[in-house]
Amino acid sequence: ACETCNGLGSTWTFDPEKVIADSAKPLLDGGLAAGAGSALMNQRIGNAVLKLDLDLSKAWEDYPDKLRQTLLYGGRGFPGLIPTLDEIYEDAYDDYKAWLMEFKTATTCAACNGNRLKPASLAVTVKGVSIAEFTGMSIRMALNLARSWKLNGRERQIAGRVLEEITNRMEFLMAVGL
């Protein structure tokens, strides 16, 4: 299993659409939803005022796109709102963590691209097809592909029994109408 997502294919990350509660308001006047009351967040925003020449009286939507991206993800000496929320989340007590989860969204795991396996497992192929590609096919397509594979002597020793078992299971699934 992928060590980043534990084989789920997705991870929970803070969603900018949820973190910014009201883009028509300044960050500290109702614009920022999650972490706005945190001492760490307020310290970091105070540093952003200095490092990014940030005008806190402006509404979020009035900042240029590039500045909004820097504020969200960091840059120019500012760690970013999202990484700061990640820090706050890691150190939070259970009730606060549960509340912060409301500002997260499941996203495709960047480490495995949603394939749920670690790179070493994804690198293994049979007849040029990885397990991620094979399991992404419909049962009919995968069964037809598996039936079309002709294994030589060495390949038969390595994958023959597994291929036979997979083919039998897919034939069963097709027989019961899946």
Protein backbone atom coordinates (compact mmCIF):
# COMPACT_ATOMS: atom_id res chain seq x y z
CA ALA A 1 0.00 0.00 0.00
CA CYS A 2 1.05 3.58 -0.62
CA GLU A 3 2.63 4.90 2.54
CA THR A 4 1.24 8.42 2.07
CA CYS A 5 -2.47 7.51 1.79
CA ASN A 6 -2.28 4.04 3.41
CA GLY A 7 -3.72 2.49 0.27
CA LEU A 8 -6.84 4.65 0.10
CA GLY A 9 -5.82 6.55 -3.03
CA SER A 10 -6.77 9.87 -1.48
CA THR A 11 -5.69 12.15 1.34
CA TRP A 12 -7.50 14.85 3.27
CA THR A 13 -6.14 18.34 2.65
CA PHE A 14 -7.30 21.78 3.60
CA ASP A 15 -9.54 23.16 0.86
CA PRO A 16 -8.99 26.84 0.01
CA GLU A 17 -12.69 27.14 -0.89
CA LYS A 18 -13.54 26.16 2.68
CA VAL A 19 -10.64 27.88 4.45
CA ILE A 20 -11.61 31.27 2.99
CA ALA A 21 -15.09 31.73 4.41
CA ASP A 22 -15.98 34.98 2.69
CA SER A 23 -13.77 36.30 -0.10
CA ALA A 24 -15.50 39.70 0.10
CA LYS A 25 -14.06 40.28 3.59
CA PRO A 26 -10.53 40.88 4.90
CA LEU A 27 -8.77 37.80 6.29
CA LEU A 28 -9.05 38.74 9.96
CA ASP A 29 -12.53 40.29 9.64
CA GLY A 30 -14.48 37.20 8.61
CA GLY A 31 -12.55 36.21 5.49
CA LEU A 32 -10.58 33.37 7.07
CA ALA A 33 -12.68 30.55 8.50
CA ALA A 34 -10.28 27.94 9.82
CA GLY A 35 -7.56 28.83 12.29
CA ALA A 36 -8.42 32.54 12.46
CA GLY A 37 -8.39 32.43 16.26
CA SER A 38 -5.11 30.56 16.48
CA ALA A 39 -2.13 32.43 17.95
CA LEU A 40 0.16 30.76 15.41
CA MET A 41 -2.07 31.80 12.49
CA ASN A 42 -2.25 35.38 13.74
CA GLN A 43 1.54 35.47 14.16
CA ARG A 44 2.04 34.13 10.62
CA ILE A 45 -0.43 36.63 9.15
CA GLY A 46 1.39 39.38 11.04
CA ASN A 47 4.63 38.21 9.42
CA ALA A 48 2.89 38.23 6.02
CA VAL A 49 2.08 41.90 6.53
CA LEU A 50 5.81 42.58 6.77
CA LYS A 51 7.20 40.07 4.27
CA LEU A 52 4.54 40.38 1.58
CA ASP A 53 3.56 44.00 2.17
CA LEU A 54 0.06 42.73 2.91
CA ASP A 55 -2.78 45.19 3.46
CA LEU A 56 -5.09 43.47 5.97
CA SER A 57 -7.89 45.95 5.33
CA LYS A 58 -8.37 44.57 1.78
CA ALA A 59 -10.88 41.85 1.01
CA TRP A 60 -9.46 38.48 -0.02
CA GLU A 61 -10.91 38.83 -3.53
CA ASP A 62 -9.11 42.15 -3.99
CA TYR A 63 -5.67 40.57 -3.70
CA PRO A 64 -4.03 39.61 -7.02
CA ASP A 65 -4.14 35.87 -7.87
CA LYS A 66 -0.40 35.45 -7.37
CA LEU A 67 -0.57 36.98 -3.88
CA ARG A 68 -3.54 34.76 -2.97
CA GLN A 69 -1.55 31.66 -4.05
CA THR A 70 1.44 32.84 -2.00
CA LEU A 71 -0.80 33.44 1.00
CA LEU A 72 -2.41 30.03 0.65
CA TYR A 73 0.64 27.86 -0.07
CA GLY A 74 3.62 29.98 0.93
CA GLY A 75 6.48 31.78 -0.72
CA ARG A 76 8.74 34.82 -0.35
CA GLY A 77 9.51 33.89 3.27
CA PHE A 78 5.89 33.23 4.23
CA PRO A 79 4.96 29.60 5.03
CA GLY A 80 1.34 29.90 3.83
CA LEU A 81 -2.09 29.56 5.39
CA ILE A 82 -2.58 25.92 4.33
CA PRO A 83 0.80 24.70 5.70
CA THR A 84 0.09 26.67 8.89
CA LEU A 85 -3.28 24.95 9.19
CA ASP A 86 -1.51 21.61 8.72
CA GLU A 87 0.77 22.49 11.66
CA ILE A 88 -2.17 23.57 13.79
CA TYR A 89 -4.04 20.38 12.90
CA GLU A 90 -1.11 18.14 13.87
CA ASP A 91 -0.85 19.72 17.33
CA ALA A 92 -4.60 20.12 17.95
CA TYR A 93 -6.60 18.29 20.56
CA ASP A 94 -9.32 15.90 19.33
CA ASP A 95 -12.31 18.26 19.40
CA TYR A 96 -10.41 21.00 17.55
CA LYS A 97 -9.13 18.44 15.03
CA ALA A 98 -12.71 17.29 14.41
CA TRP A 99 -13.77 20.91 13.81
CA LEU A 100 -10.82 21.53 11.46
CA MET A 101 -11.77 18.43 9.44
CA GLU A 102 -14.77 20.41 8.20
CA PHE A 103 -12.32 22.53 6.20
CA LYS A 104 -10.67 19.56 4.50
CA THR A 105 -11.55 17.75 1.29
CA ALA A 106 -10.48 14.34 0.04
CA THR A 107 -8.04 14.77 -2.84
CA THR A 108 -6.20 12.29 -5.03
CA CYS A 109 -3.00 11.18 -3.33
CA ALA A 110 -0.06 12.95 -4.96
CA ALA A 111 2.34 10.12 -4.12
CA CYS A 112 0.47 7.32 -5.92
CA ASN A 113 -1.89 9.35 -8.16
CA GLY A 114 -4.83 7.51 -6.66
CA ASN A 115 -3.46 4.07 -7.56
CA ARG A 116 -3.22 3.08 -3.86
CA LEU A 117 0.14 1.29 -4.17
CA LYS A 118 3.74 2.25 -3.49
CA PRO A 119 6.02 2.94 -6.47
CA ALA A 120 7.77 -0.45 -6.28
CA SER A 121 4.45 -2.27 -6.64
CA LEU A 122 3.27 0.01 -9.44
CA ALA A 123 6.53 -0.62 -11.32
CA VAL A 124 5.77 -4.35 -11.69
CA THR A 125 4.14 -5.17 -15.01
CA VAL A 126 2.84 -8.29 -16.72
CA LYS A 127 3.08 -8.10 -20.49
CA GLY A 128 3.60 -4.34 -20.14
CA VAL A 129 0.47 -3.76 -18.02
CA SER A 130 0.73 -2.55 -14.40
CA ILE A 131 -1.66 -3.61 -11.68
CA ALA A 132 -3.11 -0.07 -11.63
CA GLU A 133 -3.88 -0.23 -15.35
CA PHE A 134 -5.28 -3.76 -15.06
CA THR A 135 -7.58 -3.00 -12.12
CA GLY A 136 -8.74 0.19 -13.83
CA MET A 137 -10.27 -1.85 -16.66
CA SER A 138 -13.77 -3.23 -16.78
CA ILE A 139 -14.02 -6.91 -15.86
CA ARG A 140 -14.76 -7.81 -19.49
CA MET A 141 -11.71 -5.89 -20.78
CA ALA A 142 -9.41 -7.31 -18.11
CA LEU A 143 -10.66 -10.84 -18.74
CA ASN A 144 -10.15 -10.53 -22.49
CA LEU A 145 -6.66 -9.14 -21.94
CA ALA A 146 -5.72 -11.89 -19.46
CA ARG A 147 -7.01 -14.57 -21.84
CA SER A 148 -4.93 -13.09 -24.68
CA TRP A 149 -1.64 -13.33 -22.80
CA LYS A 150 0.62 -16.16 -23.94
CA LEU A 151 3.28 -16.83 -21.34
CA ASN A 152 6.67 -18.34 -22.19
CA GLY A 153 8.32 -20.88 -19.88
CA ARG A 154 9.88 -18.42 -17.43
CA GLU A 155 6.80 -16.17 -17.36
CA ARG A 156 4.62 -19.23 -16.75
CA GLN A 157 6.75 -20.16 -13.71
CA ILE A 158 6.50 -16.63 -12.30
CA ALA A 159 2.92 -15.62 -13.11
CA GLY A 160 1.12 -18.68 -14.51
CA ARG A 161 -0.74 -19.70 -11.36
CA VAL A 162 -1.64 -16.09 -10.49
CA LEU A 163 -2.91 -15.43 -14.02
CA GLU A 164 -5.00 -18.61 -13.92
CA GLU A 165 -6.52 -17.63 -10.58
CA ILE A 166 -7.29 -14.08 -11.75
CA THR A 167 -8.86 -15.40 -14.96
CA ASN A 168 -11.02 -17.88 -13.01
CA ARG A 169 -12.25 -15.17 -10.65
CA MET A 170 -13.07 -12.78 -13.48
CA GLU A 171 -14.93 -15.54 -15.33
CA PHE A 172 -16.97 -16.14 -12.17
CA LEU A 173 -17.76 -12.42 -11.89
CA MET A 174 -18.86 -12.34 -15.52
CA ALA A 175 -21.00 -15.47 -14.98
CA VAL A 176 -22.88 -13.89 -12.08
CA GLY A 177 -23.51 -10.73 -14.11
CA LEU A 178 -21.08 -8.21 -12.66
